[in-house]
Protein backbone atom coordinates (compact mmCIF):
# COMPACT_ATOMS: atom_id res chain seq x y z
CA PHE A 1 -24.48 18.70 87.18
CA ASN A 2 -25.09 16.91 90.39
CA ALA A 3 -29.15 16.60 91.13
CA GLU A 4 -28.74 15.64 95.09
CA MET A 5 -27.37 18.38 95.84
CA VAL A 6 -30.65 20.92 95.09
CA PRO A 7 -32.98 21.36 97.43
CA PRO A 8 -36.27 19.74 97.31
CA SER A 9 -38.15 23.38 97.35
CA SER A 10 -35.28 24.32 94.40
CA PRO A 11 -37.07 25.13 90.57
CA LEU A 12 -34.80 22.59 89.03
CA THR A 13 -36.43 20.08 90.75
CA ALA A 14 -39.96 20.60 88.94
CA PRO A 15 -41.06 19.97 85.50
CA ASP A 16 -40.85 23.51 84.41
CA PRO A 17 -38.55 25.53 86.43
CA VAL A 18 -40.70 28.93 85.44
CA ALA A 19 -43.83 27.39 85.85
CA ASP A 20 -43.13 26.32 89.58
CA LEU A 21 -41.53 29.68 90.00
CA VAL A 22 -44.51 32.18 88.68
CA ALA A 23 -46.95 29.99 90.54
CA SER A 24 -45.38 30.92 94.11
CA MET A 25 -44.92 34.79 93.41
CA PRO A 26 -47.25 37.18 93.83
CA SER A 27 -49.61 37.81 90.44
CA ALA A 28 -47.65 40.97 89.48
CA TYR A 29 -44.47 39.28 88.69
CA PRO A 30 -45.10 37.53 85.40
CA GLN A 31 -46.76 40.82 84.31
CA ILE A 32 -43.18 42.12 84.94
CA PHE A 33 -40.74 39.45 84.15
CA GLU A 34 -40.78 37.22 80.38
CA ARG A 35 -39.93 33.90 80.86
CA ARG A 36 -36.34 34.11 79.40
CA ASP A 37 -36.10 36.81 82.69
CA ILE A 38 -38.31 34.23 85.08
CA ALA A 39 -35.79 31.40 83.69
CA GLU A 40 -32.53 33.61 84.77
CA HIS A 41 -34.34 33.92 88.18
CA ALA A 42 -34.80 30.60 88.75
CA HIS A 43 -31.06 30.07 88.61
CA ILE A 44 -30.06 32.69 91.12
CA VAL A 45 -33.01 31.23 93.41
CA TYR A 46 -31.42 27.58 93.28
CA ALA A 47 -27.91 29.38 93.62
CA ARG A 48 -29.15 30.40 97.14
CA GLY A 49 -28.76 26.35 98.21
CA ASN A 50 -28.61 27.37 102.06
CA ARG A 51 -27.42 30.12 102.50
CA ARG A 52 -29.98 32.84 104.33
CA ALA A 53 -29.35 35.46 101.82
CA HIS A 54 -28.28 35.64 98.90
CA ALA A 55 -27.28 38.28 96.23
CA ALA A 56 -25.98 37.98 92.54
CA GLU A 57 -25.93 39.82 89.39
CA TRP A 58 -29.15 39.84 87.12
CA ARG A 59 -28.49 42.09 83.85
CA GLN A 60 -25.49 45.15 83.08
CA LEU A 61 -26.81 47.88 81.79
CA PRO A 62 -25.24 51.04 79.92
CA GLY A 63 -23.79 53.41 82.05
CA GLY A 64 -22.82 51.81 84.99
CA THR A 65 -26.36 50.48 86.25
CA VAL A 66 -26.47 46.91 87.47
CA ILE A 67 -29.63 44.73 88.75
CA VAL A 68 -28.98 42.66 91.47
CA CYS A 69 -31.35 39.73 92.31
CA VAL A 70 -31.31 38.80 96.04
CA VAL A 71 -33.07 36.00 98.07
CA ALA A 72 -33.37 36.27 101.16
CA ASP A 73 -35.33 34.88 104.51
CA ASP A 74 -37.65 37.38 104.23
CA VAL A 75 -36.91 38.17 108.96
CA PRO A 76 -38.04 41.54 110.17
CA GLY A 77 -36.21 44.36 108.72
CA LEU A 78 -34.71 43.01 105.85
CA LEU A 79 -34.96 45.84 103.45
CA SER A 80 -33.07 47.95 105.61
CA LEU A 81 -30.44 45.14 106.21
CA VAL A 82 -30.45 44.99 102.35
CA SER A 83 -30.44 48.89 101.76
CA ALA A 84 -27.01 48.03 104.26
CA ALA A 85 -25.31 45.89 102.78
CA PHE A 86 -25.05 48.00 99.93
CA VAL A 87 -24.27 51.89 101.18
CA ALA A 88 -21.32 49.64 102.95
CA HIS A 89 -19.75 48.57 99.25
CA HIS A 90 -20.77 52.32 98.04
CA LEU A 91 -23.84 51.35 96.02
CA ASP A 92 -27.13 53.71 95.47
CA VAL A 93 -30.69 52.35 94.45
CA THR A 94 -32.12 54.03 91.72
CA SER A 95 -35.05 51.77 91.40
CA ALA A 96 -36.50 48.07 92.95
CA GLN A 97 -39.05 45.74 92.84
CA ILE A 98 -39.85 43.27 96.13
CA PHE A 99 -41.62 39.92 95.61
CA CYS A 100 -42.08 37.25 98.53
CA ARG A 101 -43.33 33.33 97.94
CA PRO A 102 -44.07 30.74 100.68
CA THR A 103 -41.90 28.06 100.73
CA PRO A 104 -41.01 24.56 102.97
CA ARG A 105 -38.39 26.32 104.93
CA GLY A 106 -40.69 29.98 105.11
CA VAL A 107 -41.18 32.87 103.56
CA GLU A 108 -38.42 34.09 100.82
CA ALA A 109 -38.24 37.44 99.44
CA ILE A 110 -37.01 37.75 96.10
CA ASP A 111 -35.82 41.45 95.20
CA PHE A 112 -34.38 43.47 92.59
CA PHE A 113 -32.35 46.05 92.77
CA TRP A 114 -31.51 48.67 90.06
CA LEU A 115 -27.54 49.55 91.56
CA LYS A 116 -24.96 52.40 90.80
CA ARG A 117 -21.73 53.75 92.28
CA ALA A 118 -23.01 56.30 94.87
CA ARG A 119 -20.80 59.28 94.63
CA PRO A 120 -18.50 60.47 95.73
CA SER A 121 -16.69 57.64 95.16
CA ARG A 122 -13.23 56.06 94.90
CA LEU A 123 -14.44 53.19 93.56
CA PRO A 124 -14.70 52.11 90.07
CA GLN A 125 -18.25 53.37 88.61
CA HIS A 126 -18.27 49.33 87.19
CA ILE A 127 -19.79 47.34 89.73
CA ASP A 128 -18.56 44.00 89.27
CA ARG A 129 -19.32 40.12 90.53
CA ALA A 130 -16.55 39.81 93.11
CA GLU A 131 -18.02 42.72 95.01
CA LEU A 132 -21.26 41.84 94.53
CA SER A 133 -20.44 38.59 96.40
CA SER A 134 -19.06 40.50 98.77
CA VAL A 135 -22.83 42.01 99.61
CA ALA A 136 -23.99 38.64 99.20
CA ASN A 137 -21.51 37.34 101.90
CA MET A 138 -22.45 39.87 103.94
CA LEU A 139 -26.31 40.04 103.54
CA ASP A 140 -25.90 36.45 104.57
CA GLU A 141 -23.90 37.14 108.20
CA LEU A 142 -26.63 39.90 108.45
CA VAL A 143 -29.56 38.52 108.07
CA GLY A 144 -27.92 35.83 109.88
CA GLU A 145 -26.75 38.17 113.46
CA GLU A 146 -29.97 40.19 113.85
CA ALA A 147 -28.74 42.51 116.85
CA GLN A 148 -24.85 42.80 114.54
CA ALA A 149 -26.74 43.87 111.39
CA ARG A 150 -28.66 46.59 113.37
CA THR A 151 -25.66 48.17 115.01
CA LEU A 152 -23.82 48.02 111.31
CA ALA A 153 -26.89 49.56 110.19
CA VAL A 154 -26.70 52.17 112.35
CA LYS A 155 -23.31 53.39 111.86
CA GLU A 156 -23.68 53.15 107.99
CA LEU A 157 -26.71 55.09 108.40
CA GLU A 158 -24.53 57.56 110.19
CA ARG A 159 -21.72 58.03 108.32
CA VAL A 160 -23.84 59.07 104.87
CA ALA A 161 -27.01 60.82 106.09
CA PRO A 162 -25.87 64.54 105.80
CA GLU A 163 -28.29 66.99 105.84
CA LEU A 164 -30.70 67.51 103.33
CA PRO A 165 -30.69 70.74 101.55
CA VAL A 166 -34.06 70.27 100.35
CA ARG A 167 -36.69 69.21 102.77
CA PRO A 168 -38.59 65.60 101.57
CA ARG A 169 -42.09 64.89 101.52
CA VAL A 170 -44.11 62.09 103.35
CA PHE A 171 -47.42 61.32 102.39
CA TYR A 172 -50.23 58.45 102.59
CA ASP A 173 -52.35 57.01 99.63
CA THR A 174 -55.60 58.03 100.06
CA ARG A 175 -57.29 55.78 98.63
CA ALA A 176 -54.95 53.20 99.99
CA LEU A 177 -56.30 54.53 103.47
CA ARG A 178 -59.47 54.35 102.24
CA ARG A 179 -59.48 50.75 101.23
CA GLY A 180 -57.70 49.59 104.27
CA GLU A 181 -54.21 49.54 103.28
CA VAL A 182 -51.12 52.00 104.84
CA ILE A 183 -49.10 52.79 101.53
CA LEU A 184 -46.64 55.87 102.84
CA ASN A 185 -45.01 58.02 99.80
CA VAL A 186 -41.60 59.63 100.29
CA VAL A 187 -39.96 61.99 97.59
CA THR A 188 -37.12 63.39 98.58
CA PRO A 189 -33.34 64.32 97.22
CA ASP A 190 -31.29 61.48 96.39
CA ARG A 191 -28.28 61.04 98.34
CA PRO A 192 -26.74 57.77 99.09
CA GLY A 193 -28.05 56.04 101.98
CA VAL A 194 -32.46 57.38 101.41
CA LEU A 195 -33.25 54.50 101.44
CA LEU A 196 -31.18 53.14 104.37
CA ALA A 197 -32.56 55.73 106.78
CA ILE A 198 -36.29 55.17 105.36
CA THR A 199 -36.24 51.57 106.19
CA LEU A 200 -33.91 51.80 109.68
CA SER A 201 -36.76 54.24 110.85
CA PHE A 202 -39.48 51.39 110.04
CA VAL A 203 -37.73 48.44 111.69
CA HIS A 204 -37.81 51.12 114.79
CA GLN A 205 -40.95 51.18 114.58
CA LYS A 206 -42.19 47.52 114.57
CA LEU A 207 -43.45 47.99 111.53
CA GLU A 208 -42.87 45.60 108.21
CA VAL A 209 -43.06 46.49 104.13
CA VAL A 210 -45.18 44.11 102.28
CA ALA A 211 -44.40 45.99 98.88
CA SER A 212 -42.60 48.54 97.83
CA GLU A 213 -41.89 50.39 94.99
CA VAL A 214 -38.42 52.68 94.28
CA ARG A 215 -36.84 54.35 91.64
CA THR A 216 -34.93 57.83 91.51
CA ASP A 217 -35.57 59.90 88.39
CA GLN A 218 -33.22 63.67 88.07
CA GLY A 219 -31.88 63.39 91.54
CA VAL A 220 -35.30 62.45 93.05
CA ALA A 221 -35.91 59.46 94.85
CA SER A 222 -39.76 58.85 95.09
CA ASP A 223 -40.37 55.41 97.09
CA ARG A 224 -43.49 53.92 97.99
CA PHE A 225 -43.56 51.43 101.30
CA THR A 226 -46.69 49.22 101.36
CA LEU A 227 -46.81 48.77 105.55
CA ARG A 228 -48.32 47.16 108.75
CA ASP A 229 -47.55 46.74 111.97
CA ALA A 230 -45.50 43.37 113.12
CA ASP A 231 -47.25 42.96 115.55
CA GLY A 232 -50.63 42.68 113.48
CA GLY A 233 -52.35 45.33 115.35
CA PRO A 234 -54.04 47.92 113.16
CA LEU A 235 -52.33 51.65 112.44
CA SER A 236 -54.44 54.46 114.42
CA ALA A 237 -54.60 58.31 112.73
CA ASN A 238 -52.02 58.58 116.02
CA ARG A 239 -49.62 56.12 115.00
CA LEU A 240 -50.03 57.10 111.08
CA ALA A 241 -48.83 60.69 112.02
CA GLU A 242 -45.87 59.55 114.05
CA ILE A 243 -44.50 57.38 111.36
CA GLN A 244 -44.72 60.40 109.24
CA ARG A 245 -42.61 62.58 111.58
CA GLN A 246 -40.29 59.92 112.48
CA ILE A 247 -39.41 59.41 108.33
CA ILE A 248 -38.87 63.12 108.29
CA ALA A 249 -37.22 62.88 110.90
CA ALA A 250 -34.59 59.71 109.95
CA LEU A 251 -34.04 62.06 107.48
CA LYS A 252 -32.91 64.94 109.04
CA THR A 253 -35.12 67.10 107.90
CA GLU A 254 -38.78 69.26 109.23
CA PRO A 255 -42.16 68.46 107.96
CA THR A 256 -43.14 70.98 104.98
CA PRO A 257 -46.74 72.78 105.52
CA GLY A 258 -49.13 70.67 104.75
CA SER A 259 -47.62 67.73 105.08
CA GLY A 260 -47.86 67.36 109.32
CA GLY A 261 -51.32 65.27 109.28
CA PRO A 262 -51.33 61.66 108.52
CA VAL A 263 -53.80 61.99 105.36
CA THR A 264 -52.51 64.26 103.81
CA PRO A 265 -50.50 64.75 100.14
CA PRO A 266 -48.27 67.07 99.98
CA GLU A 267 -50.21 70.56 96.98
């Protein structure tokens, strides 16, 4: 181990790397993960080095699911770039935990994705570390080349976005709206590219994802996004309604009855 190669901001330079990482993360993080988990995360975070983005396996689960930790500069549209890299490798996101923390080099995203092999695919069900290394290399390039990244993302979306057989439900958390937060819920049949379609729409609408919860159960994706305007301005009622319409359009369907307004949850 060469201490001279450890960046000053690395958690491994602290007396307690676990405490250092916890102190820099949102309060929800240590409530979700145990100390042993956080110690493993610290090694992945350090392994990023000076790269703009890094991805590594954290856990292998039964049934071919792997939990991947992505550590990257929190650039605009990051979640869409991550989604594009996964889609390009025939990987499907079944769940996710998204975090950001301040560092001396800027805001850093530390995100966890539960991945499985997208179907149909000729690739093996098992997701190996060489493949995740390829994902990491692609992410590093995408984060550094925004225009190129968006072009690739759009191509991947067009390739994997067939018409959905069932209409999605897109609605806001009304309680959150009353307290000044914008939380959008998207419930839609799952298929490869769903997360990419949604996050690309956010990019095109100049929205930032502050937090998100992504999960899939029995073929249904239930995603929840906390949003804000990229320019820092307020989101008007008309803008909220337009966000809904754009998400529905991105998923190639029409709004369901009762979900056309910006604050109306589905029946």
